[in-house]
Full PDB file with SEQRES, HELIX, SHEET, SSBOND, CRYST1, ORIGX, SCALE, CONECT and MASTER records, all heavy atoms in Angstrom:
SEQRES   1 A   39  ILE TYR GLN SER GLN TYR ALA PRO PHE LEU ARG LEU LEU          
SEQRES   2 A   39  SER GLY VAL PRO ILE LEU ASP THR ASP HIS THR PRO TYR          
SEQRES   3 A   39  PHE GLN PRO LEU ALA HIS TYR LEU LEU LYS TRP ILE TRP          
HELIX    1 AA1 ALA A    7  LEU A   13  5                                   7    
HELIX    2 AA2 PHE A   27  ILE A   38  1                                  12    
CRYST1    1.000    1.000    1.000  90.00  90.00  90.00 P 1           1          
ORIGX1      1.000000  0.000000  0.000000        0.00000                         
ORIGX2      0.000000  1.000000  0.000000        0.00000                         
ORIGX3      0.000000  0.000000  1.000000        0.00000                         
SCALE1      1.000000  0.000000  0.000000        0.00000                         
SCALE2      0.000000  1.000000  0.000000        0.00000                         
SCALE3      0.000000  0.000000  1.000000        0.00000                         
ATOM      1  N   ILE A   1      -4.746  -3.449  -1.464  1.00  0.00           N  
ATOM      2  CA  ILE A   1      -3.780  -4.535  -1.603  1.00  0.00           C  
ATOM      3  C   ILE A   1      -3.556  -4.759  -3.092  1.00  0.00           C  
ATOM      4  O   ILE A   1      -4.451  -5.200  -3.812  1.00  0.00           O  
ATOM      5  CB  ILE A   1      -4.270  -5.830  -0.923  1.00  0.00           C  
ATOM      6  CG1 ILE A   1      -4.365  -5.631   0.590  1.00  0.00           C  
ATOM      7  CG2 ILE A   1      -3.328  -6.992  -1.248  1.00  0.00           C  
ATOM      8  CD1 ILE A   1      -4.825  -6.849   1.356  1.00  0.00           C  
ATOM      9  N   TYR A   2      -2.386  -4.397  -3.571  1.00  0.00           N  
ATOM     10  CA  TYR A   2      -2.044  -4.586  -4.979  1.00  0.00           C  
ATOM     11  C   TYR A   2      -1.707  -6.055  -5.185  1.00  0.00           C  
ATOM     12  O   TYR A   2      -0.919  -6.644  -4.457  1.00  0.00           O  
ATOM     13  CB  TYR A   2      -0.869  -3.685  -5.349  1.00  0.00           C  
ATOM     14  CG  TYR A   2      -1.189  -2.222  -5.200  1.00  0.00           C  
ATOM     15  CD1 TYR A   2      -0.902  -1.530  -4.035  1.00  0.00           C  
ATOM     16  CD2 TYR A   2      -1.826  -1.542  -6.244  1.00  0.00           C  
ATOM     17  CE1 TYR A   2      -1.217  -0.185  -3.905  1.00  0.00           C  
ATOM     18  CE2 TYR A   2      -2.146  -0.202  -6.120  1.00  0.00           C  
ATOM     19  CZ  TYR A   2      -1.833   0.479  -4.943  1.00  0.00           C  
ATOM     20  OH  TYR A   2      -2.154   1.800  -4.816  1.00  0.00           O  
ATOM     21  N   GLN A   3      -2.324  -6.660  -6.167  1.00  0.00           N  
ATOM     22  CA  GLN A   3      -2.258  -8.097  -6.333  1.00  0.00           C  
ATOM     23  C   GLN A   3      -0.846  -8.593  -6.649  1.00  0.00           C  
ATOM     24  O   GLN A   3      -0.155  -8.060  -7.511  1.00  0.00           O  
ATOM     25  CB  GLN A   3      -3.232  -8.543  -7.424  1.00  0.00           C  
ATOM     26  CG  GLN A   3      -4.689  -8.410  -7.013  1.00  0.00           C  
ATOM     27  CD  GLN A   3      -4.985  -9.169  -5.729  1.00  0.00           C  
ATOM     28  OE1 GLN A   3      -4.666 -10.349  -5.596  1.00  0.00           O  
ATOM     29  NE2 GLN A   3      -5.598  -8.499  -4.772  1.00  0.00           N  
ATOM     30  N   SER A   4      -0.448  -9.624  -5.929  1.00  0.00           N  
ATOM     31  CA  SER A   4       0.836 -10.271  -6.145  1.00  0.00           C  
ATOM     32  C   SER A   4       0.797 -11.625  -5.469  1.00  0.00           C  
ATOM     33  O   SER A   4      -0.170 -11.961  -4.775  1.00  0.00           O  
ATOM     34  CB  SER A   4       1.978  -9.433  -5.555  1.00  0.00           C  
ATOM     35  OG  SER A   4       1.950  -9.495  -4.138  1.00  0.00           O  
ATOM     36  N   GLN A   5       1.856 -12.400  -5.652  1.00  0.00           N  
ATOM     37  CA  GLN A   5       1.921 -13.708  -4.999  1.00  0.00           C  
ATOM     38  C   GLN A   5       1.981 -13.560  -3.479  1.00  0.00           C  
ATOM     39  O   GLN A   5       1.746 -14.514  -2.746  1.00  0.00           O  
ATOM     40  CB  GLN A   5       3.147 -14.466  -5.496  1.00  0.00           C  
ATOM     41  CG  GLN A   5       4.476 -13.783  -5.157  1.00  0.00           C  
ATOM     42  CD  GLN A   5       5.673 -14.619  -5.558  1.00  0.00           C  
ATOM     43  OE1 GLN A   5       5.743 -15.802  -5.249  1.00  0.00           O  
ATOM     44  NE2 GLN A   5       6.615 -13.994  -6.259  1.00  0.00           N  
ATOM     45  N   TYR A   6       2.301 -12.334  -3.018  1.00  0.00           N  
ATOM     46  CA  TYR A   6       2.432 -12.100  -1.579  1.00  0.00           C  
ATOM     47  C   TYR A   6       1.119 -11.687  -0.929  1.00  0.00           C  
ATOM     48  O   TYR A   6       1.026 -11.625   0.294  1.00  0.00           O  
ATOM     49  CB  TYR A   6       3.473 -11.001  -1.327  1.00  0.00           C  
ATOM     50  CG  TYR A   6       4.807 -11.271  -1.965  1.00  0.00           C  
ATOM     51  CD1 TYR A   6       5.166 -10.648  -3.157  1.00  0.00           C  
ATOM     52  CD2 TYR A   6       5.709 -12.168  -1.397  1.00  0.00           C  
ATOM     53  CE1 TYR A   6       6.385 -10.896  -3.766  1.00  0.00           C  
ATOM     54  CE2 TYR A   6       6.934 -12.426  -2.000  1.00  0.00           C  
ATOM     55  CZ  TYR A   6       7.265 -11.784  -3.180  1.00  0.00           C  
ATOM     56  OH  TYR A   6       8.473 -12.040  -3.766  1.00  0.00           O  
ATOM     57  N   ALA A   7       0.102 -11.394  -1.735  1.00  0.00           N  
ATOM     58  CA  ALA A   7      -1.154 -10.863  -1.199  1.00  0.00           C  
ATOM     59  C   ALA A   7      -1.780 -11.730  -0.101  1.00  0.00           C  
ATOM     60  O   ALA A   7      -2.278 -11.188   0.895  1.00  0.00           O  
ATOM     61  CB  ALA A   7      -2.145 -10.636  -2.341  1.00  0.00           C  
ATOM     62  N   PRO A   8      -1.785 -13.064  -0.237  1.00  0.00           N  
ATOM     63  CA  PRO A   8      -2.409 -13.866   0.828  1.00  0.00           C  
ATOM     64  C   PRO A   8      -1.789 -13.657   2.211  1.00  0.00           C  
ATOM     65  O   PRO A   8      -2.480 -13.763   3.229  1.00  0.00           O  
ATOM     66  CB  PRO A   8      -2.203 -15.306   0.344  1.00  0.00           C  
ATOM     67  CG  PRO A   8      -2.091 -15.189  -1.138  1.00  0.00           C  
ATOM     68  CD  PRO A   8      -1.359 -13.901  -1.363  1.00  0.00           C  
ATOM     69  N   PHE A   9      -0.498 -13.343   2.258  1.00  0.00           N  
ATOM     70  CA  PHE A   9       0.159 -13.157   3.551  1.00  0.00           C  
ATOM     71  C   PHE A   9      -0.246 -11.843   4.226  1.00  0.00           C  
ATOM     72  O   PHE A   9      -0.120 -11.694   5.435  1.00  0.00           O  
ATOM     73  CB  PHE A   9       1.683 -13.177   3.378  1.00  0.00           C  
ATOM     74  CG  PHE A   9       2.213 -14.455   2.808  1.00  0.00           C  
ATOM     75  CD1 PHE A   9       2.732 -14.497   1.530  1.00  0.00           C  
ATOM     76  CD2 PHE A   9       2.180 -15.635   3.548  1.00  0.00           C  
ATOM     77  CE1 PHE A   9       3.222 -15.681   0.990  1.00  0.00           C  
ATOM     78  CE2 PHE A   9       2.665 -16.828   3.019  1.00  0.00           C  
ATOM     79  CZ  PHE A   9       3.182 -16.850   1.740  1.00  0.00           C  
ATOM     80  N   LEU A  10      -0.741 -10.900   3.432  1.00  0.00           N  
ATOM     81  CA  LEU A  10      -1.029  -9.576   3.969  1.00  0.00           C  
ATOM     82  C   LEU A  10      -2.257  -9.557   4.863  1.00  0.00           C  
ATOM     83  O   LEU A  10      -2.511  -8.583   5.559  1.00  0.00           O  
ATOM     84  CB  LEU A  10      -1.171  -8.567   2.823  1.00  0.00           C  
ATOM     85  CG  LEU A  10       0.112  -8.396   2.000  1.00  0.00           C  
ATOM     86  CD1 LEU A  10      -0.137  -7.480   0.814  1.00  0.00           C  
ATOM     87  CD2 LEU A  10       1.245  -7.843   2.858  1.00  0.00           C  
ATOM     88  N   ARG A  11      -3.026 -10.649   4.870  1.00  0.00           N  
ATOM     89  CA  ARG A  11      -4.155 -10.726   5.802  1.00  0.00           C  
ATOM     90  C   ARG A  11      -3.665 -10.663   7.240  1.00  0.00           C  
ATOM     91  O   ARG A  11      -4.425 -10.284   8.148  1.00  0.00           O  
ATOM     92  CB  ARG A  11      -4.954 -12.011   5.570  1.00  0.00           C  
ATOM     93  CG  ARG A  11      -4.217 -13.289   5.983  1.00  0.00           C  
ATOM     94  CD  ARG A  11      -5.006 -14.540   5.664  1.00  0.00           C  
ATOM     95  NE  ARG A  11      -4.387 -15.743   6.206  1.00  0.00           N  
ATOM     96  CZ  ARG A  11      -3.380 -16.390   5.633  1.00  0.00           C  
ATOM     97  NH1 ARG A  11      -2.875 -15.944   4.499  1.00  0.00           N  
ATOM     98  NH2 ARG A  11      -2.868 -17.480   6.184  1.00  0.00           N  
ATOM     99  N   LEU A  12      -2.429 -11.043   7.461  1.00  0.00           N  
ATOM    100  CA  LEU A  12      -1.866 -11.001   8.806  1.00  0.00           C  
ATOM    101  C   LEU A  12      -1.726  -9.572   9.316  1.00  0.00           C  
ATOM    102  O   LEU A  12      -1.587  -9.343  10.520  1.00  0.00           O  
ATOM    103  CB  LEU A  12      -0.501 -11.689   8.831  1.00  0.00           C  
ATOM    104  CG  LEU A  12      -0.497 -13.179   8.489  1.00  0.00           C  
ATOM    105  CD1 LEU A  12       0.930 -13.689   8.343  1.00  0.00           C  
ATOM    106  CD2 LEU A  12      -1.227 -13.980   9.561  1.00  0.00           C  
ATOM    107  N   LEU A  13      -1.786  -8.606   8.403  1.00  0.00           N  
ATOM    108  CA  LEU A  13      -1.665  -7.205   8.790  1.00  0.00           C  
ATOM    109  C   LEU A  13      -3.031  -6.530   8.964  1.00  0.00           C  
ATOM    110  O   LEU A  13      -3.090  -5.333   9.237  1.00  0.00           O  
ATOM    111  CB  LEU A  13      -0.870  -6.434   7.730  1.00  0.00           C  
ATOM    112  CG  LEU A  13       0.625  -6.742   7.658  1.00  0.00           C  
ATOM    113  CD1 LEU A  13       1.215  -6.124   6.400  1.00  0.00           C  
ATOM    114  CD2 LEU A  13       1.335  -6.210   8.891  1.00  0.00           C  
ATOM    115  N   SER A  14      -4.098  -7.291   8.821  1.00  0.00           N  
ATOM    116  CA  SER A  14      -5.435  -6.684   8.843  1.00  0.00           C  
ATOM    117  C   SER A  14      -5.751  -5.972  10.149  1.00  0.00           C  
ATOM    118  O   SER A  14      -6.544  -5.032  10.176  1.00  0.00           O  
ATOM    119  CB  SER A  14      -6.500  -7.757   8.566  1.00  0.00           C  
ATOM    120  OG  SER A  14      -6.446  -8.782   9.563  1.00  0.00           O  
ATOM    121  N   GLY A  15      -5.132  -6.400  11.242  1.00  0.00           N  
ATOM    122  CA  GLY A  15      -5.412  -5.767  12.532  1.00  0.00           C  
ATOM    123  C   GLY A  15      -4.450  -4.652  12.884  1.00  0.00           C  
ATOM    124  O   GLY A  15      -4.563  -4.036  13.958  1.00  0.00           O  
ATOM    125  N   VAL A  16      -3.517  -4.366  11.990  1.00  0.00           N  
ATOM    126  CA  VAL A  16      -2.519  -3.326  12.267  1.00  0.00           C  
ATOM    127  C   VAL A  16      -3.086  -1.971  11.867  1.00  0.00           C  
ATOM    128  O   VAL A  16      -3.509  -1.782  10.722  1.00  0.00           O  
ATOM    129  CB  VAL A  16      -1.213  -3.597  11.491  1.00  0.00           C  
ATOM    130  CG1 VAL A  16      -0.205  -2.480  11.751  1.00  0.00           C  
ATOM    131  CG2 VAL A  16      -0.639  -4.948  11.884  1.00  0.00           C  
ATOM    132  N   PRO A  17      -3.133  -1.006  12.782  1.00  0.00           N  
ATOM    133  CA  PRO A  17      -3.705   0.304  12.451  1.00  0.00           C  
ATOM    134  C   PRO A  17      -2.819   1.072  11.481  1.00  0.00           C  
ATOM    135  O   PRO A  17      -1.595   0.982  11.526  1.00  0.00           O  
ATOM    136  CB  PRO A  17      -3.769   1.019  13.813  1.00  0.00           C  
ATOM    137  CG  PRO A  17      -2.667   0.379  14.613  1.00  0.00           C  
ATOM    138  CD  PRO A  17      -2.642  -1.065  14.174  1.00  0.00           C  
ATOM    139  N   ILE A  18      -3.460   1.796  10.583  1.00  0.00           N  
ATOM    140  CA  ILE A  18      -2.744   2.631   9.623  1.00  0.00           C  
ATOM    141  C   ILE A  18      -2.839   4.072  10.096  1.00  0.00           C  
ATOM    142  O   ILE A  18      -3.927   4.591  10.324  1.00  0.00           O  
ATOM    143  CB  ILE A  18      -3.344   2.495   8.215  1.00  0.00           C  
ATOM    144  CG1 ILE A  18      -3.196   1.051   7.710  1.00  0.00           C  
ATOM    145  CG2 ILE A  18      -2.692   3.470   7.242  1.00  0.00           C  
ATOM    146  CD1 ILE A  18      -3.944   0.773   6.433  1.00  0.00           C  
ATOM    147  N   LEU A  19      -1.704   4.703  10.252  1.00  0.00           N  
ATOM    148  CA  LEU A  19      -1.673   6.082  10.709  1.00  0.00           C  
ATOM    149  C   LEU A  19      -1.346   6.979   9.527  1.00  0.00           C  
ATOM    150  O   LEU A  19      -0.269   6.880   8.942  1.00  0.00           O  
ATOM    151  CB  LEU A  19      -0.618   6.247  11.806  1.00  0.00           C  
ATOM    152  CG  LEU A  19      -0.836   7.377  12.808  1.00  0.00           C  
ATOM    153  CD1 LEU A  19      -2.097   7.109  13.632  1.00  0.00           C  
ATOM    154  CD2 LEU A  19       0.357   7.523  13.733  1.00  0.00           C  
ATOM    155  N   ASP A  20      -2.302   7.833   9.144  1.00  0.00           N  
ATOM    156  CA  ASP A  20      -2.083   8.685   7.972  1.00  0.00           C  
ATOM    157  C   ASP A  20      -2.359  10.145   8.296  1.00  0.00           C  
ATOM    158  O   ASP A  20      -2.980  10.866   7.527  1.00  0.00           O  
ATOM    159  CB  ASP A  20      -2.947   8.219   6.798  1.00  0.00           C  
ATOM    160  CG  ASP A  20      -4.430   8.173   7.142  1.00  0.00           C  
ATOM    161  OD1 ASP A  20      -4.781   8.498   8.287  1.00  0.00           O  
ATOM    162  OD2 ASP A  20      -5.233   7.842   6.254  1.00  0.00           O  
ATOM    163  N   THR A  21      -1.871  10.574   9.448  1.00  0.00           N  
ATOM    164  CA  THR A  21      -2.134  11.939   9.901  1.00  0.00           C  
ATOM    165  C   THR A  21      -1.549  12.990   8.966  1.00  0.00           C  
ATOM    166  O   THR A  21      -2.029  14.127   8.934  1.00  0.00           O  
ATOM    167  CB  THR A  21      -1.538  12.161  11.303  1.00  0.00           C  
ATOM    168  OG1 THR A  21      -0.128  11.883  11.264  1.00  0.00           O  
ATOM    169  CG2 THR A  21      -2.190  11.257  12.323  1.00  0.00           C  
ATOM    170  N   ASP A  22      -0.527  12.662   8.222  1.00  0.00           N  
ATOM    171  CA  ASP A  22       0.171  13.647   7.400  1.00  0.00           C  
ATOM    172  C   ASP A  22      -0.120  13.509   5.914  1.00  0.00           C  
ATOM    173  O   ASP A  22       0.543  14.158   5.103  1.00  0.00           O  
ATOM    174  CB  ASP A  22       1.687  13.525   7.613  1.00  0.00           C  
ATOM    175  CG  ASP A  22       2.099  13.874   9.029  1.00  0.00           C  
ATOM    176  OD1 ASP A  22       1.349  14.598   9.692  1.00  0.00           O  
ATOM    177  OD2 ASP A  22       3.166  13.424   9.461  1.00  0.00           O  
ATOM    178  N   HIS A  23      -1.085  12.675   5.553  1.00  0.00           N  
ATOM    179  CA  HIS A  23      -1.252  12.355   4.139  1.00  0.00           C  
ATOM    180  C   HIS A  23      -2.673  12.512   3.627  1.00  0.00           C  
ATOM    181  O   HIS A  23      -3.632  12.574   4.401  1.00  0.00           O  
ATOM    182  CB  HIS A  23      -0.772  10.929   3.880  1.00  0.00           C  
ATOM    183  CG  HIS A  23       0.714  10.788   3.943  1.00  0.00           C  
ATOM    184  ND1 HIS A  23       1.542  11.306   2.981  1.00  0.00           N  
ATOM    185  CD2 HIS A  23       1.531  10.221   4.865  1.00  0.00           C  
ATOM    186  CE1 HIS A  23       2.801  11.067   3.306  1.00  0.00           C  
ATOM    187  NE2 HIS A  23       2.825  10.411   4.448  1.00  0.00           N  
ATOM    188  N   THR A  24      -2.771  12.556   2.310  1.00  0.00           N  
ATOM    189  CA  THR A  24      -4.053  12.547   1.620  1.00  0.00           C  
ATOM    190  C   THR A  24      -4.393  11.095   1.285  1.00  0.00           C  
ATOM    191  O   THR A  24      -3.540  10.206   1.429  1.00  0.00           O  
ATOM    192  CB  THR A  24      -3.984  13.358   0.307  1.00  0.00           C  
ATOM    193  OG1 THR A  24      -3.256  12.586  -0.674  1.00  0.00           O  
ATOM    194  CG2 THR A  24      -3.284  14.705   0.523  1.00  0.00           C  
ATOM    195  N   PRO A  25      -5.600  10.823   0.790  1.00  0.00           N  
ATOM    196  CA  PRO A  25      -5.937   9.441   0.372  1.00  0.00           C  
ATOM    197  C   PRO A  25      -5.152   8.978  -0.850  1.00  0.00           C  
ATOM    198  O   PRO A  25      -5.260   7.819  -1.250  1.00  0.00           O  
ATOM    199  CB  PRO A  25      -7.435   9.537   0.042  1.00  0.00           C  
ATOM    200  CG  PRO A  25      -7.918  10.749   0.742  1.00  0.00           C  
ATOM    201  CD  PRO A  25      -6.770  11.707   0.753  1.00  0.00           C  
ATOM    202  N   TYR A  26      -4.352   9.875  -1.426  1.00  0.00           N  
ATOM    203  CA  TYR A  26      -3.637   9.546  -2.657  1.00  0.00           C  
ATOM    204  C   TYR A  26      -2.215   9.068  -2.417  1.00  0.00           C  
ATOM    205  O   TYR A  26      -1.512   8.747  -3.384  1.00  0.00           O  
ATOM    206  CB  TYR A  26      -3.612  10.762  -3.583  1.00  0.00           C  
ATOM    207  CG  TYR A  26      -4.981  11.158  -4.077  1.00  0.00           C  
ATOM    208  CD1 TYR A  26      -5.721  12.116  -3.398  1.00  0.00           C  
ATOM    209  CD2 TYR A  26      -5.538  10.560  -5.203  1.00  0.00           C  
ATOM    210  CE1 TYR A  26      -6.989  12.478  -3.837  1.00  0.00           C  
ATOM    211  CE2 TYR A  26      -6.810  10.910  -5.647  1.00  0.00           C  
ATOM    212  CZ  TYR A  26      -7.526  11.869  -4.960  1.00  0.00           C  
ATOM    213  OH  TYR A  26      -8.780  12.210  -5.393  1.00  0.00           O  
ATOM    214  N   PHE A  27      -1.778   9.020  -1.168  1.00  0.00           N  
ATOM    215  CA  PHE A  27      -0.395   8.621  -0.929  1.00  0.00           C  
ATOM    216  C   PHE A  27      -0.081   7.238  -1.482  1.00  0.00           C  
ATOM    217  O   PHE A  27       0.915   7.044  -2.193  1.00  0.00           O  
ATOM    218  CB  PHE A  27      -0.056   8.650   0.569  1.00  0.00           C  
ATOM    219  CG  PHE A  27       1.217   7.923   0.892  1.00  0.00           C  
ATOM    220  CD1 PHE A  27       2.436   8.417   0.455  1.00  0.00           C  
ATOM    221  CD2 PHE A  27       1.203   6.718   1.582  1.00  0.00           C  
ATOM    222  CE1 PHE A  27       3.629   7.731   0.711  1.00  0.00           C  
ATOM    223  CE2 PHE A  27       2.381   6.029   1.845  1.00  0.00           C  
ATOM    224  CZ  PHE A  27       3.589   6.540   1.414  1.00  0.00           C  
ATOM    225  N   GLN A  28      -0.901   6.254  -1.155  1.00  0.00           N  
ATOM    226  CA  GLN A  28      -0.605   4.897  -1.614  1.00  0.00           C  
ATOM    227  C   GLN A  28      -0.673   4.769  -3.142  1.00  0.00           C  
ATOM    228  O   GLN A  28       0.237   4.179  -3.743  1.00  0.00           O  
ATOM    229  CB  GLN A  28      -1.538   3.885  -0.945  1.00  0.00           C  
ATOM    230  CG  GLN A  28      -1.076   2.447  -1.123  1.00  0.00           C  
ATOM    231  CD  GLN A  28      -1.999   1.445  -0.456  1.00  0.00           C  
ATOM    232  OE1 GLN A  28      -3.145   1.756  -0.145  1.00  0.00           O  
ATOM    233  NE2 GLN A  28      -1.505   0.240  -0.239  1.00  0.00           N  
ATOM    234  N   PRO A  29      -1.700   5.333  -3.813  1.00  0.00           N  
ATOM    235  CA  PRO A  29      -1.670   5.307  -5.281  1.00  0.00           C  
ATOM    236  C   PRO A  29      -0.452   6.014  -5.863  1.00  0.00           C  
ATOM    237  O   PRO A  29       0.088   5.572  -6.877  1.00  0.00           O  
ATOM    238  CB  PRO A  29      -2.970   6.031  -5.664  1.00  0.00           C  
ATOM    239  CG  PRO A  29      -3.873   5.818  -4.502  1.00  0.00           C  
ATOM    240  CD  PRO A  29      -2.985   5.839  -3.295  1.00  0.00           C  
ATOM    241  N   LEU A  30      -0.006   7.094  -5.225  1.00  0.00           N  
ATOM    242  CA  LEU A  30       1.187   7.787  -5.711  1.00  0.00           C  
ATOM    243  C   LEU A  30       2.420   6.909  -5.552  1.00  0.00           C  
ATOM    244  O   LEU A  30       3.262   6.838  -6.451  1.00  0.00           O  
ATOM    245  CB  LEU A  30       1.375   9.102  -4.958  1.00  0.00           C  
ATOM    246  CG  LEU A  30       2.662   9.868  -5.306  1.00  0.00           C  
ATOM    247  CD1 LEU A  30       2.680  10.263  -6.781  1.00  0.00           C  
ATOM    248  CD2 LEU A  30       2.822  11.089  -4.414  1.00  0.00           C  
ATOM    249  N   ALA A  31       2.548   6.243  -4.399  1.00  0.00           N  
ATOM    250  CA  ALA A  31       3.693   5.354  -4.184  1.00  0.00           C  
ATOM    251  C   ALA A  31       3.724   4.273  -5.263  1.00  0.00           C  
ATOM    252  O   ALA A  31       4.788   3.980  -5.828  1.00  0.00           O  
ATOM    253  CB  ALA A  31       3.615   4.724  -2.789  1.00  0.00           C  
ATOM    254  N   HIS A  32       2.565   3.700  -5.578  1.00  0.00           N  
ATOM    255  CA  HIS A  32       2.516   2.667  -6.608  1.00  0.00           C  
ATOM    256  C   HIS A  32       2.850   3.250  -7.975  1.00  0.00           C  
ATOM    257  O   HIS A  32       3.608   2.647  -8.762  1.00  0.00           O  
ATOM    258  CB  HIS A  32       1.130   2.016  -6.652  1.00  0.00           C  
ATOM    259  CG  HIS A  32       1.030   0.895  -7.638  1.00  0.00           C  
ATOM    260  ND1 HIS A  32       0.468   1.047  -8.890  1.00  0.00           N  
ATOM    261  CD2 HIS A  32       1.441  -0.400  -7.575  1.00  0.00           C  
ATOM    262  CE1 HIS A  32       0.525  -0.098  -9.545  1.00  0.00           C  
ATOM    263  NE2 HIS A  32       1.111  -0.990  -8.782  1.00  0.00           N  
ATOM    264  N   TYR A  33       2.332   4.412  -8.269  1.00  0.00           N  
ATOM    265  CA  TYR A  33       2.576   5.074  -9.559  1.00  0.00           C  
ATOM    266  C   TYR A  33       4.071   5.317  -9.765  1.00  0.00           C  
ATOM    267  O   TYR A  33       4.617   5.028 -10.837  1.00  0.00           O  
ATOM    268  CB  TYR A  33       1.808   6.391  -9.585  1.00  0.00           C  
ATOM    269  CG  TYR A  33       1.945   7.184 -10.861  1.00  0.00           C  
ATOM    270  CD1 TYR A  33       1.146   6.901 -11.971  1.00  0.00           C  
ATOM    271  CD2 TYR A  33       2.862   8.231 -10.964  1.00  0.00           C  
ATOM    272  CE1 TYR A  33       1.261   7.637 -13.146  1.00  0.00           C  
ATOM    273  CE2 TYR A  33       2.988   8.963 -12.126  1.00  0.00           C  
ATOM    274  CZ  TYR A  33       2.186   8.667 -13.215  1.00  0.00           C  
ATOM    275  OH  TYR A  33       2.303   9.392 -14.375  1.00  0.00           O  
ATOM    276  N   LEU A  34       4.732   5.846  -8.747  1.00  0.00           N  
ATOM    277  CA  LEU A  34       6.163   6.138  -8.870  1.00  0.00           C  
ATOM    278  C   LEU A  34       6.999   4.861  -8.909  1.00  0.00           C  
ATOM    279  O   LEU A  34       7.969   4.770  -9.671  1.00  0.00           O  
ATOM    280  CB  LEU A  34       6.618   7.032  -7.714  1.00  0.00           C  
ATOM    281  CG  LEU A  34       6.091   8.468  -7.732  1.00  0.00           C  
ATOM    282  CD1 LEU A  34       6.592   9.229  -6.511  1.00  0.00           C  
ATOM    283  CD2 LEU A  34       6.510   9.196  -9.014  1.00  0.00           C  
ATOM    284  N   LEU A  35       6.647   3.876  -8.088  1.00  0.00           N  
ATOM    285  CA  LEU A  35       7.367   2.601  -8.123  1.00  0.00           C  
ATOM    286  C   LEU A  35       7.274   1.963  -9.513  1.00  0.00           C  
ATOM    287  O   LEU A  35       8.271   1.487 -10.064  1.00  0.00           O  
ATOM    288  CB  LEU A  35       6.806   1.645  -7.062  1.00  0.00           C  
ATOM    289  CG  LEU A  35       7.215   1.904  -5.609  1.00  0.00           C  
ATOM    290  CD1 LEU A  35       6.293   1.160  -4.657  1.00  0.00           C  
ATOM    291  CD2 LEU A  35       8.670   1.480  -5.372  1.00  0.00           C  
ATOM    292  N   LYS A  36       6.077   1.990 -10.058  1.00  0.00           N  
ATOM    293  CA  LYS A  36       5.864   1.387 -11.375  1.00  0.00           C  
ATOM    294  C   LYS A  36       6.648   2.150 -12.450  1.00  0.00           C  
ATOM    295  O   LYS A  36       7.326   1.533 -13.287  1.00  0.00           O  
ATOM    296  CB  LYS A  36       4.372   1.396 -11.702  1.00  0.00           C  
ATOM    297  CG  LYS A  36       4.023   0.782 -13.047  1.00  0.00           C  
ATOM    298  CD  LYS A  36       2.514   0.856 -13.301  1.00  0.00           C  
ATOM    299  CE  LYS A  36       2.171   0.361 -14.699  1.00  0.00           C  
ATOM    300  NZ  LYS A  36       0.721   0.507 -14.986  1.00  0.00           N  
ATOM    301  N   TRP A  37       6.584   3.473 -12.415  1.00  0.00           N  
ATOM    302  CA  TRP A  37       7.286   4.279 -13.417  1.00  0.00           C  
ATOM    303  C   TRP A  37       8.797   4.069 -13.337  1.00  0.00           C  
ATOM    304  O   TRP A  37       9.466   3.868 -14.347  1.00  0.00           O  
ATOM    305  CB  TRP A  37       6.945   5.754 -13.225  1.00  0.00           C  
ATOM    306  CG  TRP A  37       7.817   6.709 -13.990  1.00  0.00           C  
ATOM    307  CD1 TRP A  37       8.696   7.616 -13.475  1.00  0.00           C  
ATOM    308  CD2 TRP A  37       7.900   6.847 -15.410  1.00  0.00           C  
ATOM    309  NE1 TRP A  37       9.319   8.309 -14.469  1.00  0.00           N  
ATOM    310  CE2 TRP A  37       8.863   7.855 -15.679  1.00  0.00           C  
ATOM    311  CE3 TRP A  37       7.280   6.211 -16.488  1.00  0.00           C  
ATOM    312  CZ2 TRP A  37       9.204   8.253 -16.967  1.00  0.00           C  
ATOM    313  CZ3 TRP A  37       7.624   6.599 -17.775  1.00  0.00           C  
ATOM    314  CH2 TRP A  37       8.560   7.601 -18.016  1.00  0.00           C  
ATOM    315  N   ILE A  38       9.323   4.104 -12.133  1.00  0.00           N  
ATOM    316  CA  ILE A  38      10.774   3.978 -11.971  1.00  0.00           C  
ATOM    317  C   ILE A  38      11.226   2.555 -12.283  1.00  0.00           C  
ATOM    318  O   ILE A  38      12.325   2.340 -12.798  1.00  0.00           O  
ATOM    319  CB  ILE A  38      11.181   4.461 -10.562  1.00  0.00           C  
ATOM    320  CG1 ILE A  38      11.018   5.993 -10.519  1.00  0.00           C  
ATOM    321  CG2 ILE A  38      12.602   4.057 -10.202  1.00  0.00           C  
ATOM    322  CD1 ILE A  38      11.160   6.614  -9.170  1.00  0.00           C  
ATOM    323  N   TRP A  39      10.377   1.579 -12.022  1.00  0.00           N  
ATOM    324  CA  TRP A  39      10.668   0.200 -12.438  1.00  0.00           C  
ATOM    325  C   TRP A  39      10.706   0.118 -13.970  1.00  0.00           C  
ATOM    326  O   TRP A  39      11.607  -0.517 -14.544  1.00  0.00           O  
ATOM    327  CB  TRP A  39       9.599  -0.737 -11.881  1.00  0.00           C  
ATOM    328  CG  TRP A  39       9.750  -2.166 -12.288  1.00  0.00           C  
ATOM    329  CD1 TRP A  39      10.623  -3.086 -11.770  1.00  0.00           C  
ATOM    330  CD2 TRP A  39       8.997  -2.857 -13.300  1.00  0.00           C  
ATOM    331  NE1 TRP A  39      10.455  -4.311 -12.395  1.00  0.00           N  
ATOM    332  CE2 TRP A  39       9.467  -4.201 -13.336  1.00  0.00           C  
ATOM    333  CE3 TRP A  39       7.978  -2.486 -14.156  1.00  0.00           C  
ATOM    334  CZ2 TRP A  39       8.945  -5.147 -14.209  1.00  0.00           C  
ATOM    335  CZ3 TRP A  39       7.458  -3.425 -15.031  1.00  0.00           C  
ATOM    336  CH2 TRP A  39       7.943  -4.743 -15.054  1.00  0.00           C  
TER     337      TRP A  39                                                      
MASTER        0    0    0    2    0    0    0    6  336    1    0    3          
END                                                                             
């Protein structure tokens, strides 16, 4: 959970399963890296 003013609301997603059959553990860090760079 990347810190933001929205982080407290994300606890509501704690019971939602994450399906990562097609990915490495680096997908989320990569998404953040690219979002940050392009921003």
